[in-house]
């Protein structure tokens, strides 16, 4: 892909083409004069916990276990085990 020269408008915006319309881009300011623009997918703050400490893998493992383990009719047994009487 060839380098391009674009004019920043009076409103501070620059068009990088319809190819990137509706997509997120990361604008990395290396210093006052140099910018790097990278298209990508970004994780909202509320979902960052999924991508830390192997949490996503743990959830995927748990979902796989649920898919492969048939349900059990052991509700009464569990109530007795946990000493729960008023349900």
C-alpha atoms as a PDB file:
ATOM      1  CA  UNK A   1       0.000   0.000   0.000  1.00  0.00           C
ATOM      2  CA  UNK A   2       1.399   3.383  -0.969  1.00  0.00           C
ATOM      3  CA  UNK A   3       1.770   6.336   1.374  1.00  0.00           C
ATOM      4  CA  UNK A   4      -0.867   9.024   1.007  1.00  0.00           C
ATOM      5  CA  UNK A   5      -1.040  12.689   1.898  1.00  0.00           C
ATOM      6  CA  UNK A   6      -4.294  13.948   3.448  1.00  0.00           C
ATOM      7  CA  UNK A   7      -5.281  17.433   4.617  1.00  0.00           C
ATOM      8  CA  UNK A   8      -6.646  17.783   8.143  1.00  0.00           C
ATOM      9  CA  UNK A   9      -9.829  19.831   7.927  1.00  0.00           C
ATOM     10  CA  UNK A  10     -10.670  22.913   9.986  1.00  0.00           C
ATOM     11  CA  UNK A  11     -12.658  20.645  12.337  1.00  0.00           C
ATOM     12  CA  UNK A  12      -9.564  18.521  13.071  1.00  0.00           C
ATOM     13  CA  UNK A  13     -10.743  15.516  11.063  1.00  0.00           C
ATOM     14  CA  UNK A  14      -9.000  13.595   8.333  1.00  0.00           C
ATOM     15  CA  UNK A  15     -10.636  11.068   6.016  1.00  0.00           C
ATOM     16  CA  UNK A  16      -8.805   7.778   5.586  1.00  0.00           C
ATOM     17  CA  UNK A  17     -11.265   6.301   3.104  1.00  0.00           C
ATOM     18  CA  UNK A  18     -14.548   4.408   2.993  1.00  0.00           C
ATOM     19  CA  UNK A  19     -12.658   1.149   3.466  1.00  0.00           C
ATOM     20  CA  UNK A  20     -12.394   2.034   7.168  1.00  0.00           C
ATOM     21  CA  UNK A  21     -15.910   3.474   7.576  1.00  0.00           C
ATOM     22  CA  UNK A  22     -17.622   2.215  10.741  1.00  0.00           C
ATOM     23  CA  UNK A  23     -14.471   0.539  12.060  1.00  0.00           C
ATOM     24  CA  UNK A  24     -12.438   1.399  15.140  1.00  0.00           C
ATOM     25  CA  UNK A  25      -8.900   2.685  14.722  1.00  0.00           C
ATOM     26  CA  UNK A  26      -6.145   3.131  17.277  1.00  0.00           C
ATOM     27  CA  UNK A  27      -4.305   6.432  16.874  1.00  0.00           C
ATOM     28  CA  UNK A  28      -0.916   6.192  18.543  1.00  0.00           C
ATOM     29  CA  UNK A  29       0.863   9.544  18.929  1.00  0.00           C
ATOM     30  CA  UNK A  30       4.542   8.665  19.077  1.00  0.00           C
ATOM     31  CA  UNK A  31       5.456  12.309  19.597  1.00  0.00           C
ATOM     32  CA  UNK A  32       4.184  15.756  18.472  1.00  0.00           C
ATOM     33  CA  UNK A  33       4.814  14.997  14.804  1.00  0.00           C
ATOM     34  CA  UNK A  34       4.321  11.246  14.312  1.00  0.00           C
ATOM     35  CA  UNK A  35       1.064   9.277  14.390  1.00  0.00           C
ATOM     36  CA  UNK A  36       0.426   5.616  13.724  1.00  0.00           C
ATOM     37  CA  UNK A  37      -3.143   4.648  12.781  1.00  0.00           C
ATOM     38  CA  UNK A  38      -4.080   0.975  13.173  1.00  0.00           C
ATOM     39  CA  UNK A  39      -7.507  -0.530  12.508  1.00  0.00           C
ATOM     40  CA  UNK A  40      -8.636  -3.122  15.022  1.00  0.00           C
ATOM     41  CA  UNK A  41     -11.129  -4.452  17.498  1.00  0.00           C
ATOM     42  CA  UNK A  42     -11.025  -3.074  20.994  1.00  0.00           C
ATOM     43  CA  UNK A  43     -12.317  -4.417  24.291  1.00  0.00           C
ATOM     44  CA  UNK A  44     -14.680  -2.253  26.375  1.00  0.00           C
ATOM     45  CA  UNK A  45     -13.487  -1.590  29.930  1.00  0.00           C
ATOM     46  CA  UNK A  46     -16.412  -3.587  31.333  1.00  0.00           C
ATOM     47  CA  UNK A  47     -15.180  -6.713  29.493  1.00  0.00           C
ATOM     48  CA  UNK A  48     -11.436  -6.477  30.158  1.00  0.00           C
ATOM     49  CA  UNK A  49     -11.685  -8.916  33.072  1.00  0.00           C
ATOM     50  CA  UNK A  50     -12.459 -11.662  30.553  1.00  0.00           C
ATOM     51  CA  UNK A  51      -9.018 -11.279  29.015  1.00  0.00           C
ATOM     52  CA  UNK A  52      -7.020 -11.313  32.262  1.00  0.00           C
ATOM     53  CA  UNK A  53      -5.608 -14.201  34.292  1.00  0.00           C
ATOM     54  CA  UNK A  54      -6.902 -16.863  31.885  1.00  0.00           C
ATOM     55  CA  UNK A  55     -10.551 -16.029  32.679  1.00  0.00           C
ATOM     56  CA  UNK A  56     -11.737 -16.535  29.109  1.00  0.00           C
ATOM     57  CA  UNK A  57     -10.167 -19.991  28.987  1.00  0.00           C
ATOM     58  CA  UNK A  58     -11.755 -20.862  32.356  1.00  0.00           C
ATOM     59  CA  UNK A  59     -15.190 -19.826  31.088  1.00  0.00           C
ATOM     60  CA  UNK A  60     -14.725 -21.793  27.857  1.00  0.00           C
ATOM     61  CA  UNK A  61     -13.688 -24.861  29.876  1.00  0.00           C
ATOM     62  CA  UNK A  62     -16.747 -24.523  32.136  1.00  0.00           C
ATOM     63  CA  UNK A  63     -19.070 -24.155  29.136  1.00  0.00           C
ATOM     64  CA  UNK A  64     -17.548 -27.241  27.526  1.00  0.00           C
ATOM     65  CA  UNK A  65     -18.147 -29.206  30.743  1.00  0.00           C
ATOM     66  CA  UNK A  66     -21.781 -28.050  30.830  1.00  0.00           C
ATOM     67  CA  UNK A  67     -22.251 -29.133  27.202  1.00  0.00           C
ATOM     68  CA  UNK A  68     -20.774 -32.593  27.876  1.00  0.00           C
ATOM     69  CA  UNK A  69     -22.259 -33.340  31.311  1.00  0.00           C
ATOM     70  CA  UNK A  70     -25.866 -34.504  31.456  1.00  0.00           C
ATOM     71  CA  UNK A  71     -28.051 -32.855  34.118  1.00  0.00           C
ATOM     72  CA  UNK A  72     -28.580 -34.747  37.362  1.00  0.00           C
ATOM     73  CA  UNK A  73     -31.737 -35.003  39.433  1.00  0.00           C
ATOM     74  CA  UNK A  74     -29.992 -34.519  42.773  1.00  0.00           C
ATOM     75  CA  UNK A  75     -31.687 -31.424  44.166  1.00  0.00           C
ATOM     76  CA  UNK A  76     -33.082 -33.164  47.254  1.00  0.00           C
ATOM     77  CA  UNK A  77     -29.712 -34.794  47.896  1.00  0.00           C
ATOM     78  CA  UNK A  78     -27.934 -31.433  47.765  1.00  0.00           C
ATOM     79  CA  UNK A  79     -30.468 -29.809  50.102  1.00  0.00           C
ATOM     80  CA  UNK A  80     -29.853 -32.569  52.605  1.00  0.00           C
ATOM     81  CA  UNK A  81     -26.072 -32.345  52.180  1.00  0.00           C
ATOM     82  CA  UNK A  82     -26.122 -28.592  52.814  1.00  0.00           C
ATOM     83  CA  UNK A  83     -28.616 -28.966  55.656  1.00  0.00           C
ATOM     84  CA  UNK A  84     -31.266 -26.775  53.990  1.00  0.00           C
ATOM     85  CA  UNK A  85     -34.794 -27.514  55.190  1.00  0.00           C
ATOM     86  CA  UNK A  86     -37.062 -24.613  54.225  1.00  0.00           C
ATOM     87  CA  UNK A  87     -37.244 -24.617  50.425  1.00  0.00           C
END
